[in-house]
Amino acid sequence: SSGTHTTAARMSLQIEETLKRISQQKGVEGYIIADEAGNVLRTTFNDEPDRDMVAKLSQDLPALASRASSAVRDLDPTNVMRFVRVQTKKKELMISKDTGFVMMVVQGTVQSE
């Protein structure tokens, strides 16, 4: 039916607008969307030097997000993990897990003066 198609098109447009808004936030270097098996579905990191990072993150972070989600459920079965934030000296990763996929936003960290 055309109503379902219109709803899907509207959702797709909302997703595109959200991804664009995220990409334009100060400090954001890009994002990776991977399925639960670690296969990259979409990324803004398309340059050759970034390929290793994308491959490593897409393989490792879905498992990290799943473990964090399980830990939250273990502490309170009525609670749900929204996202995990990991900060290193060089990068900050925000990881959000949903049914079937994981989204990772990569930011540069702000160096303290």
N, C-alpha and C. Protein backbone atom coordinates (compact mmCIF):
# COMPACT_ATOMS: atom_id res chain seq x y z
N SER A 1 0.83 -1.19 0.00
CA SER A 1 0.00 0.00 0.00
C SER A 1 0.87 1.25 0.00
N SER A 2 0.35 2.32 -0.56
CA SER A 2 1.16 3.54 -0.68
C SER A 2 1.36 4.21 0.67
N GLY A 3 0.43 4.01 1.63
CA GLY A 3 0.59 4.59 2.96
C GLY A 3 1.81 4.02 3.67
N THR A 4 2.03 2.71 3.54
CA THR A 4 3.19 2.07 4.14
C THR A 4 4.46 2.57 3.47
N HIS A 5 4.43 2.70 2.14
CA HIS A 5 5.59 3.19 1.40
C HIS A 5 5.94 4.62 1.82
N THR A 6 4.91 5.44 1.99
CA THR A 6 5.13 6.83 2.41
C THR A 6 5.74 6.88 3.80
N THR A 7 5.26 6.04 4.72
CA THR A 7 5.80 5.98 6.07
C THR A 7 7.26 5.55 6.04
N ALA A 8 7.59 4.54 5.24
CA ALA A 8 8.97 4.06 5.12
C ALA A 8 9.85 5.16 4.54
N ALA A 9 9.36 5.87 3.54
CA ALA A 9 10.13 6.96 2.93
C ALA A 9 10.36 8.07 3.95
N ARG A 10 9.35 8.38 4.76
CA ARG A 10 9.47 9.42 5.78
C ARG A 10 10.49 9.00 6.84
N MET A 11 10.45 7.72 7.26
CA MET A 11 11.41 7.22 8.23
C MET A 11 12.82 7.29 7.67
N SER A 12 12.97 6.91 6.41
CA SER A 12 14.28 6.96 5.76
C SER A 12 14.81 8.39 5.74
N LEU A 13 13.95 9.33 5.43
CA LEU A 13 14.34 10.74 5.41
C LEU A 13 14.74 11.21 6.81
N GLN A 14 13.99 10.79 7.83
CA GLN A 14 14.32 11.15 9.22
C GLN A 14 15.68 10.59 9.62
N ILE A 15 15.95 9.35 9.21
CA ILE A 15 17.24 8.72 9.51
C ILE A 15 18.37 9.50 8.84
N GLU A 16 18.18 9.83 7.56
CA GLU A 16 19.20 10.60 6.84
C GLU A 16 19.46 11.95 7.51
N GLU A 17 18.39 12.61 7.92
CA GLU A 17 18.53 13.92 8.57
C GLU A 17 19.26 13.78 9.91
N THR A 18 18.95 12.72 10.66
CA THR A 18 19.61 12.48 11.94
C THR A 18 21.10 12.21 11.74
N LEU A 19 21.44 11.38 10.76
CA LEU A 19 22.84 11.07 10.49
C LEU A 19 23.60 12.33 10.05
N LYS A 20 22.95 13.16 9.25
CA LYS A 20 23.57 14.40 8.80
C LYS A 20 23.82 15.33 10.00
N ARG A 21 22.82 15.41 10.89
CA ARG A 21 22.94 16.27 12.08
C ARG A 21 24.08 15.77 12.98
N ILE A 22 24.17 14.46 13.17
CA ILE A 22 25.25 13.89 13.99
C ILE A 22 26.60 14.21 13.37
N SER A 23 26.71 14.02 12.07
CA SER A 23 27.98 14.26 11.36
C SER A 23 28.44 15.70 11.47
N GLN A 24 27.50 16.62 11.62
CA GLN A 24 27.83 18.04 11.66
C GLN A 24 28.13 18.56 13.07
N GLN A 25 27.98 17.71 14.09
CA GLN A 25 28.27 18.14 15.46
C GLN A 25 29.76 18.41 15.61
N LYS A 26 30.10 19.40 16.41
CA LYS A 26 31.49 19.77 16.63
C LYS A 26 32.28 18.58 17.18
N GLY A 27 33.42 18.31 16.58
CA GLY A 27 34.29 17.24 17.05
C GLY A 27 34.01 15.87 16.46
N VAL A 28 32.86 15.70 15.84
CA VAL A 28 32.52 14.38 15.28
C VAL A 28 33.37 14.12 14.04
N GLU A 29 34.07 13.00 14.07
CA GLU A 29 34.91 12.61 12.94
C GLU A 29 34.12 11.73 11.96
N GLY A 30 33.11 11.05 12.46
CA GLY A 30 32.28 10.23 11.59
C GLY A 30 31.53 9.18 12.38
N TYR A 31 30.85 8.30 11.65
CA TYR A 31 30.10 7.23 12.30
C TYR A 31 30.24 5.93 11.53
N ILE A 32 29.94 4.86 12.24
CA ILE A 32 29.93 3.52 11.66
C ILE A 32 28.63 2.86 12.12
N ILE A 33 27.91 2.27 11.20
CA ILE A 33 26.74 1.48 11.56
C ILE A 33 27.06 0.05 11.11
N ALA A 34 26.99 -0.89 12.06
CA ALA A 34 27.31 -2.28 11.77
C ALA A 34 26.19 -3.17 12.27
N ASP A 35 26.06 -4.35 11.65
CA ASP A 35 25.09 -5.31 12.18
C ASP A 35 25.72 -6.01 13.38
N GLU A 36 24.94 -6.86 14.05
CA GLU A 36 25.43 -7.50 15.27
C GLU A 36 26.60 -8.45 15.01
N ALA A 37 26.77 -8.88 13.75
CA ALA A 37 27.89 -9.75 13.39
C ALA A 37 29.16 -8.95 13.08
N GLY A 38 29.05 -7.61 13.09
CA GLY A 38 30.21 -6.77 12.83
C GLY A 38 30.39 -6.38 11.38
N ASN A 39 29.41 -6.68 10.53
CA ASN A 39 29.48 -6.26 9.13
C ASN A 39 29.10 -4.80 9.02
N VAL A 40 29.93 -4.00 8.36
CA VAL A 40 29.67 -2.57 8.22
C VAL A 40 28.50 -2.38 7.25
N LEU A 41 27.45 -1.71 7.73
CA LEU A 41 26.29 -1.40 6.89
C LEU A 41 26.45 -0.03 6.26
N ARG A 42 27.08 0.87 7.01
CA ARG A 42 27.24 2.23 6.51
C ARG A 42 28.31 2.93 7.34
N THR A 43 29.09 3.79 6.70
CA THR A 43 30.10 4.55 7.43
C THR A 43 30.42 5.82 6.66
N THR A 44 30.88 6.82 7.40
CA THR A 44 31.38 8.03 6.76
C THR A 44 32.89 7.95 6.60
N PHE A 45 33.51 6.90 7.15
CA PHE A 45 34.96 6.71 7.04
C PHE A 45 35.25 5.91 5.78
N ASN A 46 35.55 6.61 4.70
CA ASN A 46 35.75 5.93 3.43
C ASN A 46 37.17 6.02 2.89
N ASP A 47 38.05 6.72 3.61
CA ASP A 47 39.43 6.86 3.15
C ASP A 47 40.23 5.62 3.50
N GLU A 48 41.22 5.33 2.70
CA GLU A 48 42.08 4.15 2.89
C GLU A 48 42.64 4.04 4.31
N PRO A 49 43.20 5.13 4.89
CA PRO A 49 43.79 5.00 6.24
C PRO A 49 42.76 4.63 7.32
N ASP A 50 41.49 4.92 7.07
CA ASP A 50 40.45 4.64 8.07
C ASP A 50 39.92 3.20 8.01
N ARG A 51 40.24 2.47 6.95
CA ARG A 51 39.63 1.15 6.76
C ARG A 51 39.96 0.17 7.88
N ASP A 52 41.22 0.19 8.37
CA ASP A 52 41.59 -0.71 9.47
C ASP A 52 40.81 -0.37 10.73
N MET A 53 40.69 0.93 11.03
CA MET A 53 39.95 1.36 12.22
C MET A 53 38.49 0.91 12.12
N VAL A 54 37.89 1.12 10.96
CA VAL A 54 36.48 0.74 10.76
C VAL A 54 36.31 -0.76 10.94
N ALA A 55 37.22 -1.54 10.36
CA ALA A 55 37.13 -3.00 10.48
C ALA A 55 37.25 -3.44 11.93
N LYS A 56 38.21 -2.87 12.66
CA LYS A 56 38.41 -3.25 14.06
C LYS A 56 37.22 -2.84 14.92
N LEU A 57 36.77 -1.61 14.76
CA LEU A 57 35.65 -1.14 15.58
C LEU A 57 34.38 -1.92 15.28
N SER A 58 34.10 -2.17 14.01
CA SER A 58 32.86 -2.87 13.66
C SER A 58 32.88 -4.31 14.15
N GLN A 59 34.07 -4.90 14.30
CA GLN A 59 34.17 -6.26 14.83
C GLN A 59 34.09 -6.30 16.35
N ASP A 60 34.71 -5.34 17.03
CA ASP A 60 34.82 -5.40 18.49
C ASP A 60 33.67 -4.74 19.25
N LEU A 61 33.15 -3.66 18.73
CA LEU A 61 32.20 -2.88 19.53
C LEU A 61 30.81 -3.49 19.68
N PRO A 62 30.29 -4.25 18.70
CA PRO A 62 28.99 -4.88 18.96
C PRO A 62 29.02 -5.79 20.19
N ALA A 63 30.12 -6.53 20.39
CA ALA A 63 30.23 -7.40 21.56
C ALA A 63 30.31 -6.57 22.85
N LEU A 64 31.07 -5.46 22.81
CA LEU A 64 31.16 -4.58 23.97
C LEU A 64 29.78 -4.02 24.31
N ALA A 65 29.05 -3.58 23.31
CA ALA A 65 27.70 -3.03 23.54
C ALA A 65 26.77 -4.09 24.11
N SER A 66 26.88 -5.32 23.62
CA SER A 66 26.04 -6.41 24.14
C SER A 66 26.37 -6.71 25.60
N ARG A 67 27.67 -6.72 25.93
CA ARG A 67 28.06 -6.98 27.32
C ARG A 67 27.58 -5.85 28.24
N ALA A 68 27.71 -4.62 27.79
CA ALA A 68 27.25 -3.49 28.60
C ALA A 68 25.73 -3.56 28.79
N SER A 69 25.03 -3.91 27.72
CA SER A 69 23.57 -4.04 27.80
C SER A 69 23.17 -5.13 28.78
N SER A 70 23.87 -6.25 28.75
CA SER A 70 23.60 -7.35 29.68
C SER A 70 23.88 -6.93 31.12
N ALA A 71 24.96 -6.18 31.33
CA ALA A 71 25.30 -5.72 32.68
C ALA A 71 24.20 -4.82 33.24
N VAL A 72 23.67 -3.93 32.40
CA VAL A 72 22.58 -3.04 32.83
C VAL A 72 21.35 -3.88 33.20
N ARG A 73 21.02 -4.86 32.37
CA ARG A 73 19.87 -5.73 32.65
C ARG A 73 20.08 -6.54 33.92
N ASP A 74 21.32 -7.02 34.15
CA ASP A 74 21.62 -7.79 35.37
C ASP A 74 21.40 -6.94 36.62
N LEU A 75 21.76 -5.65 36.54
CA LEU A 75 21.58 -4.76 37.68
C LEU A 75 20.12 -4.42 37.91
N ASP A 76 19.36 -4.27 36.83
CA ASP A 76 17.95 -3.91 36.92
C ASP A 76 17.24 -4.43 35.67
N PRO A 77 16.53 -5.56 35.79
CA PRO A 77 15.88 -6.17 34.63
C PRO A 77 14.86 -5.26 33.92
N THR A 78 14.42 -4.19 34.58
CA THR A 78 13.45 -3.30 33.94
C THR A 78 14.13 -2.17 33.18
N ASN A 79 15.47 -2.10 33.26
CA ASN A 79 16.21 -1.01 32.64
C ASN A 79 16.78 -1.43 31.30
N VAL A 80 17.06 -0.46 30.43
CA VAL A 80 17.61 -0.72 29.10
C VAL A 80 18.76 0.25 28.86
N MET A 81 19.88 -0.29 28.36
CA MET A 81 21.02 0.55 28.03
C MET A 81 20.69 1.38 26.80
N ARG A 82 20.96 2.68 26.85
CA ARG A 82 20.74 3.57 25.71
C ARG A 82 22.01 3.70 24.89
N PHE A 83 23.13 4.04 25.56
CA PHE A 83 24.41 4.07 24.85
C PHE A 83 25.56 3.97 25.84
N VAL A 84 26.73 3.63 25.29
CA VAL A 84 27.96 3.53 26.06
C VAL A 84 28.91 4.57 25.51
N ARG A 85 29.62 5.22 26.40
CA ARG A 85 30.60 6.22 26.00
C ARG A 85 31.98 5.74 26.46
N VAL A 86 32.91 5.66 25.52
CA VAL A 86 34.27 5.22 25.83
C VAL A 86 35.21 6.36 25.44
N GLN A 87 36.00 6.82 26.40
CA GLN A 87 36.92 7.92 26.12
C GLN A 87 38.35 7.43 26.29
N THR A 88 39.17 7.68 25.26
CA THR A 88 40.59 7.39 25.31
C THR A 88 41.34 8.71 25.24
N LYS A 89 42.65 8.66 25.21
CA LYS A 89 43.43 9.89 25.09
C LYS A 89 43.14 10.60 23.77
N LYS A 90 42.91 9.83 22.71
CA LYS A 90 42.79 10.41 21.38
C LYS A 90 41.37 10.50 20.84
N LYS A 91 40.51 9.58 21.24
CA LYS A 91 39.17 9.50 20.66
C LYS A 91 38.11 9.30 21.74
N GLU A 92 36.91 9.61 21.36
CA GLU A 92 35.76 9.31 22.20
C GLU A 92 34.78 8.56 21.30
N LEU A 93 34.30 7.43 21.78
CA LEU A 93 33.36 6.61 21.03
C LEU A 93 32.03 6.58 21.76
N MET A 94 30.97 6.85 21.05
CA MET A 94 29.64 6.72 21.60
C MET A 94 28.97 5.58 20.85
N ILE A 95 28.55 4.58 21.60
CA ILE A 95 28.06 3.34 21.01
C ILE A 95 26.61 3.16 21.43
N SER A 96 25.75 3.01 20.45
CA SER A 96 24.33 2.80 20.71
C SER A 96 23.92 1.50 20.05
N LYS A 97 23.28 0.63 20.84
CA LYS A 97 22.87 -0.67 20.34
C LYS A 97 21.35 -0.69 20.19
N ASP A 98 20.90 -1.21 19.07
CA ASP A 98 19.47 -1.40 18.86
C ASP A 98 19.29 -2.81 18.32
N THR A 99 18.08 -3.23 18.11
CA THR A 99 17.82 -4.55 17.59
C THR A 99 18.43 -4.69 16.20
N GLY A 100 19.42 -5.56 16.08
CA GLY A 100 19.99 -5.86 14.78
C GLY A 100 21.18 -5.02 14.36
N PHE A 101 21.45 -3.93 15.05
CA PHE A 101 22.59 -3.11 14.63
C PHE A 101 23.18 -2.31 15.79
N VAL A 102 24.40 -1.82 15.54
CA VAL A 102 25.10 -0.98 16.51
C VAL A 102 25.58 0.25 15.75
N MET A 103 25.41 1.41 16.36
CA MET A 103 25.92 2.65 15.76
C MET A 103 27.02 3.19 16.64
N MET A 104 28.13 3.56 16.02
CA MET A 104 29.26 4.11 16.73
C MET A 104 29.59 5.48 16.16
N VAL A 105 29.62 6.48 17.02
CA VAL A 105 30.02 7.83 16.60
C VAL A 105 31.42 8.05 17.17
N VAL A 106 32.32 8.49 16.32
CA VAL A 106 33.72 8.71 16.71
C VAL A 106 33.96 10.22 16.76
N GLN A 107 34.48 10.67 17.91
CA GLN A 107 34.82 12.08 18.09
C GLN A 107 36.28 12.17 18.51
N GLY A 108 36.89 13.29 18.18
CA GLY A 108 38.20 13.59 18.74
C GLY A 108 37.98 14.08 20.15
N THR A 109 38.91 13.79 21.06
CA THR A 109 38.74 14.28 22.42
C THR A 109 39.27 15.70 22.51
N VAL A 110 38.70 16.46 23.41
CA VAL A 110 39.15 17.83 23.64
C VAL A 110 40.32 17.74 24.62
N GLN A 111 41.46 18.18 24.17
CA GLN A 111 42.66 18.13 25.04
C GLN A 111 42.56 19.26 26.07
N SER A 112 42.76 18.91 27.33
CA SER A 112 42.72 19.96 28.36
C SER A 112 44.00 20.79 28.30
N GLU A 113 43.84 22.05 28.58
CA GLU A 113 44.97 22.99 28.49
C GLU A 113 45.92 22.80 29.66
